[in-house]
Amino acid sequence: MVVIRLSRGGAKARPFYNIVVADKRVRRDGRFIERIGFYNPGAVEGEEGLRIAHDRLAYWKSVGAQTSPTVDRLAKQAPAPAAA
């Protein structure tokens, strides 16, 4: 099964998360299929704290990928892409 979840990076006490598509059997920070965004909870004013490629998220969900509860919450609060 394919899941969309957070993968932790950054230094001790300064987390940075990549939003990745990965096989469920692979460990949290291990191999992934595609990186579709990031979340920086420690972003300061004027710095981008969250970015998600909504088109890729929709694609992976359409082919059966499951999202973690945290990714669901972040996707709802992420700014929608601008209409071209």
N, C-alpha and C. Protein backbone atom coordinates (compact mmCIF):
# COMPACT_ATOMS: atom_id res chain seq x y z
N MET A 1 0.84 -1.18 0.00
CA MET A 1 0.00 0.00 0.00
C MET A 1 0.88 1.24 0.00
N VAL A 2 0.43 2.26 -0.69
CA VAL A 2 1.16 3.53 -0.77
C VAL A 2 0.51 4.52 0.18
N VAL A 3 1.34 5.25 0.93
CA VAL A 3 0.85 6.24 1.88
C VAL A 3 1.51 7.59 1.62
N ILE A 4 0.81 8.64 2.00
CA ILE A 4 1.35 10.00 1.93
C ILE A 4 1.51 10.45 3.37
N ARG A 5 2.76 10.71 3.77
CA ARG A 5 3.04 11.02 5.16
C ARG A 5 4.20 12.00 5.28
N LEU A 6 4.50 12.37 6.53
CA LEU A 6 5.60 13.29 6.79
C LEU A 6 6.88 12.50 7.04
N SER A 7 7.98 13.04 6.55
CA SER A 7 9.30 12.48 6.78
C SER A 7 10.13 13.56 7.48
N ARG A 8 10.65 13.27 8.65
CA ARG A 8 11.32 14.29 9.46
C ARG A 8 12.75 14.52 9.03
N GLY A 9 13.11 15.78 9.06
CA GLY A 9 14.48 16.20 8.80
C GLY A 9 14.81 17.32 9.77
N GLY A 10 15.89 18.03 9.51
CA GLY A 10 16.25 19.15 10.37
C GLY A 10 17.12 18.71 11.53
N ALA A 11 17.50 19.69 12.34
CA ALA A 11 18.38 19.44 13.49
C ALA A 11 17.57 19.10 14.73
N LYS A 12 18.27 18.74 15.78
CA LYS A 12 17.60 18.45 17.04
C LYS A 12 16.87 19.71 17.52
N ALA A 13 15.63 19.56 17.90
CA ALA A 13 14.77 20.65 18.39
C ALA A 13 14.42 21.68 17.31
N ARG A 14 14.75 21.40 16.05
CA ARG A 14 14.38 22.29 14.93
C ARG A 14 13.86 21.43 13.79
N PRO A 15 12.65 20.90 13.92
CA PRO A 15 12.14 19.95 12.93
C PRO A 15 11.80 20.61 11.59
N PHE A 16 11.92 19.82 10.55
CA PHE A 16 11.52 20.18 9.20
C PHE A 16 10.98 18.91 8.58
N TYR A 17 9.81 18.98 7.97
CA TYR A 17 9.17 17.78 7.46
C TYR A 17 8.98 17.87 5.95
N ASN A 18 9.32 16.79 5.26
CA ASN A 18 8.97 16.66 3.85
C ASN A 18 7.69 15.86 3.76
N ILE A 19 6.80 16.24 2.87
CA ILE A 19 5.58 15.47 2.63
C ILE A 19 5.90 14.55 1.47
N VAL A 20 5.90 13.25 1.75
CA VAL A 20 6.36 12.27 0.77
C VAL A 20 5.32 11.19 0.50
N VAL A 21 5.42 10.60 -0.67
CA VAL A 21 4.64 9.42 -1.05
C VAL A 21 5.60 8.25 -0.91
N ALA A 22 5.21 7.26 -0.11
CA ALA A 22 6.11 6.14 0.17
C ALA A 22 5.32 4.85 0.34
N ASP A 23 6.02 3.74 0.23
CA ASP A 23 5.42 2.45 0.52
C ASP A 23 5.23 2.37 2.04
N LYS A 24 4.13 1.81 2.47
CA LYS A 24 3.81 1.74 3.89
C LYS A 24 4.85 0.95 4.69
N ARG A 25 5.51 -0.03 4.05
CA ARG A 25 6.46 -0.89 4.75
C ARG A 25 7.81 -0.23 5.00
N VAL A 26 8.08 0.88 4.33
CA VAL A 26 9.36 1.56 4.47
C VAL A 26 9.32 2.45 5.71
N ARG A 27 10.45 2.54 6.43
CA ARG A 27 10.49 3.34 7.65
C ARG A 27 10.21 4.82 7.37
N ARG A 28 9.88 5.56 8.40
CA ARG A 28 9.42 6.94 8.29
C ARG A 28 10.36 7.83 7.46
N ASP A 29 11.64 7.79 7.72
CA ASP A 29 12.59 8.65 7.03
C ASP A 29 13.36 7.92 5.94
N GLY A 30 12.85 6.78 5.52
CA GLY A 30 13.54 5.97 4.52
C GLY A 30 13.20 6.35 3.09
N ARG A 31 13.33 5.36 2.21
CA ARG A 31 13.12 5.56 0.78
C ARG A 31 11.69 6.01 0.50
N PHE A 32 11.53 6.91 -0.46
CA PHE A 32 10.21 7.37 -0.83
C PHE A 32 10.08 7.39 -2.34
N ILE A 33 8.84 7.47 -2.82
CA ILE A 33 8.56 7.48 -4.25
C ILE A 33 8.65 8.89 -4.82
N GLU A 34 8.01 9.84 -4.13
CA GLU A 34 7.98 11.23 -4.62
C GLU A 34 7.82 12.18 -3.44
N ARG A 35 8.49 13.32 -3.53
CA ARG A 35 8.33 14.39 -2.53
C ARG A 35 7.33 15.38 -3.10
N ILE A 36 6.23 15.62 -2.40
CA ILE A 36 5.19 16.51 -2.95
C ILE A 36 5.05 17.81 -2.17
N GLY A 37 5.87 18.03 -1.18
CA GLY A 37 5.80 19.29 -0.45
C GLY A 37 6.65 19.27 0.80
N PHE A 38 6.48 20.32 1.62
CA PHE A 38 7.20 20.41 2.88
C PHE A 38 6.38 21.17 3.90
N TYR A 39 6.74 20.98 5.17
CA TYR A 39 6.12 21.68 6.28
C TYR A 39 7.22 22.08 7.24
N ASN A 40 7.30 23.36 7.55
CA ASN A 40 8.30 23.88 8.47
C ASN A 40 7.57 24.54 9.64
N PRO A 41 7.37 23.81 10.75
CA PRO A 41 6.62 24.38 11.86
C PRO A 41 7.34 25.55 12.54
N GLY A 42 8.63 25.68 12.35
CA GLY A 42 9.38 26.76 12.97
C GLY A 42 9.63 27.94 12.05
N ALA A 43 8.85 28.07 11.00
CA ALA A 43 9.05 29.16 10.05
C ALA A 43 8.78 30.50 10.71
N VAL A 44 9.67 31.45 10.47
CA VAL A 44 9.50 32.79 11.03
C VAL A 44 8.67 33.64 10.07
N GLU A 45 8.27 34.80 10.52
CA GLU A 45 7.45 35.70 9.71
C GLU A 45 8.14 36.01 8.38
N GLY A 46 7.38 35.90 7.30
CA GLY A 46 7.91 36.17 5.98
C GLY A 46 8.54 34.96 5.31
N GLU A 47 8.62 33.85 6.00
CA GLU A 47 9.20 32.63 5.46
C GLU A 47 8.07 31.65 5.16
N GLU A 48 8.18 30.93 4.06
CA GLU A 48 7.14 29.97 3.70
C GLU A 48 7.21 28.76 4.63
N GLY A 49 6.10 28.45 5.28
CA GLY A 49 6.09 27.36 6.24
C GLY A 49 5.47 26.08 5.72
N LEU A 50 4.69 26.18 4.63
CA LEU A 50 3.99 25.01 4.13
C LEU A 50 3.78 25.14 2.63
N ARG A 51 4.11 24.07 1.92
CA ARG A 51 3.85 24.02 0.47
C ARG A 51 3.49 22.59 0.11
N ILE A 52 2.38 22.45 -0.62
CA ILE A 52 1.94 21.14 -1.09
C ILE A 52 1.58 21.26 -2.56
N ALA A 53 2.04 20.32 -3.37
CA ALA A 53 1.64 20.25 -4.78
C ALA A 53 0.28 19.56 -4.82
N HIS A 54 -0.79 20.36 -4.82
CA HIS A 54 -2.14 19.82 -4.75
C HIS A 54 -2.48 18.91 -5.92
N ASP A 55 -1.92 19.20 -7.10
CA ASP A 55 -2.19 18.33 -8.26
C ASP A 55 -1.61 16.94 -8.05
N ARG A 56 -0.41 16.85 -7.49
CA ARG A 56 0.21 15.55 -7.23
C ARG A 56 -0.49 14.83 -6.08
N LEU A 57 -0.94 15.58 -5.08
CA LEU A 57 -1.69 14.98 -3.97
C LEU A 57 -2.99 14.36 -4.50
N ALA A 58 -3.68 15.08 -5.37
CA ALA A 58 -4.93 14.57 -5.95
C ALA A 58 -4.65 13.33 -6.81
N TYR A 59 -3.55 13.36 -7.56
CA TYR A 59 -3.21 12.21 -8.40
C TYR A 59 -3.00 10.96 -7.54
N TRP A 60 -2.16 11.07 -6.51
CA TRP A 60 -1.84 9.91 -5.70
C TRP A 60 -3.07 9.40 -4.96
N LYS A 61 -3.94 10.29 -4.51
CA LYS A 61 -5.17 9.85 -3.86
C LYS A 61 -6.08 9.13 -4.87
N SER A 62 -6.06 9.58 -6.13
CA SER A 62 -6.91 8.95 -7.14
C SER A 62 -6.46 7.54 -7.49
N VAL A 63 -5.19 7.24 -7.30
CA VAL A 63 -4.70 5.88 -7.59
C VAL A 63 -4.65 5.02 -6.34
N GLY A 64 -5.23 5.50 -5.23
CA GLY A 64 -5.39 4.65 -4.05
C GLY A 64 -4.47 4.91 -2.88
N ALA A 65 -3.67 5.96 -2.92
CA ALA A 65 -2.78 6.25 -1.79
C ALA A 65 -3.60 6.76 -0.60
N GLN A 66 -3.20 6.34 0.60
CA GLN A 66 -3.85 6.78 1.83
C GLN A 66 -3.03 7.92 2.43
N THR A 67 -3.71 8.95 2.95
CA THR A 67 -3.00 10.05 3.59
C THR A 67 -3.05 9.89 5.10
N SER A 68 -2.01 10.36 5.75
CA SER A 68 -2.00 10.33 7.21
C SER A 68 -2.92 11.45 7.72
N PRO A 69 -3.41 11.34 8.95
CA PRO A 69 -4.27 12.41 9.48
C PRO A 69 -3.60 13.78 9.48
N THR A 70 -2.30 13.82 9.75
CA THR A 70 -1.58 15.08 9.77
C THR A 70 -1.50 15.70 8.37
N VAL A 71 -1.25 14.88 7.37
CA VAL A 71 -1.20 15.39 6.00
C VAL A 71 -2.58 15.89 5.58
N ASP A 72 -3.65 15.21 5.98
CA ASP A 72 -5.00 15.69 5.69
C ASP A 72 -5.21 17.08 6.27
N ARG A 73 -4.83 17.25 7.52
CA ARG A 73 -4.99 18.55 8.20
C ARG A 73 -4.17 19.64 7.51
N LEU A 74 -2.93 19.33 7.17
CA LEU A 74 -2.08 20.32 6.50
C LEU A 74 -2.59 20.67 5.11
N ALA A 75 -3.12 19.68 4.39
CA ALA A 75 -3.64 19.95 3.04
C ALA A 75 -4.82 20.91 3.08
N LYS A 76 -5.62 20.83 4.13
CA LYS A 76 -6.76 21.74 4.25
C LYS A 76 -6.32 23.16 4.56
N GLN A 77 -5.22 23.33 5.31
CA GLN A 77 -4.78 24.67 5.65
C GLN A 77 -3.77 25.26 4.67
N ALA A 78 -3.29 24.45 3.73
CA ALA A 78 -2.35 24.95 2.71
C ALA A 78 -3.09 25.85 1.73
N PRO A 79 -2.45 26.91 1.27
CA PRO A 79 -3.10 27.78 0.30
C PRO A 79 -3.37 27.03 -1.00
N ALA A 80 -4.55 27.24 -1.55
CA ALA A 80 -4.92 26.60 -2.81
C ALA A 80 -4.09 27.18 -3.95
N PRO A 81 -3.78 26.37 -4.96
CA PRO A 81 -2.99 26.89 -6.07
C PRO A 81 -3.75 27.97 -6.83
N ALA A 82 -3.03 28.93 -7.34
CA ALA A 82 -3.63 30.03 -8.11
C ALA A 82 -4.12 29.51 -9.45
N ALA A 83 -5.29 29.95 -9.84
CA ALA A 83 -5.84 29.54 -11.14
C ALA A 83 -5.07 30.23 -12.25
N ALA A 84 -4.67 29.46 -13.25
CA ALA A 84 -3.86 30.03 -14.34
C ALA A 84 -4.70 30.48 -15.48
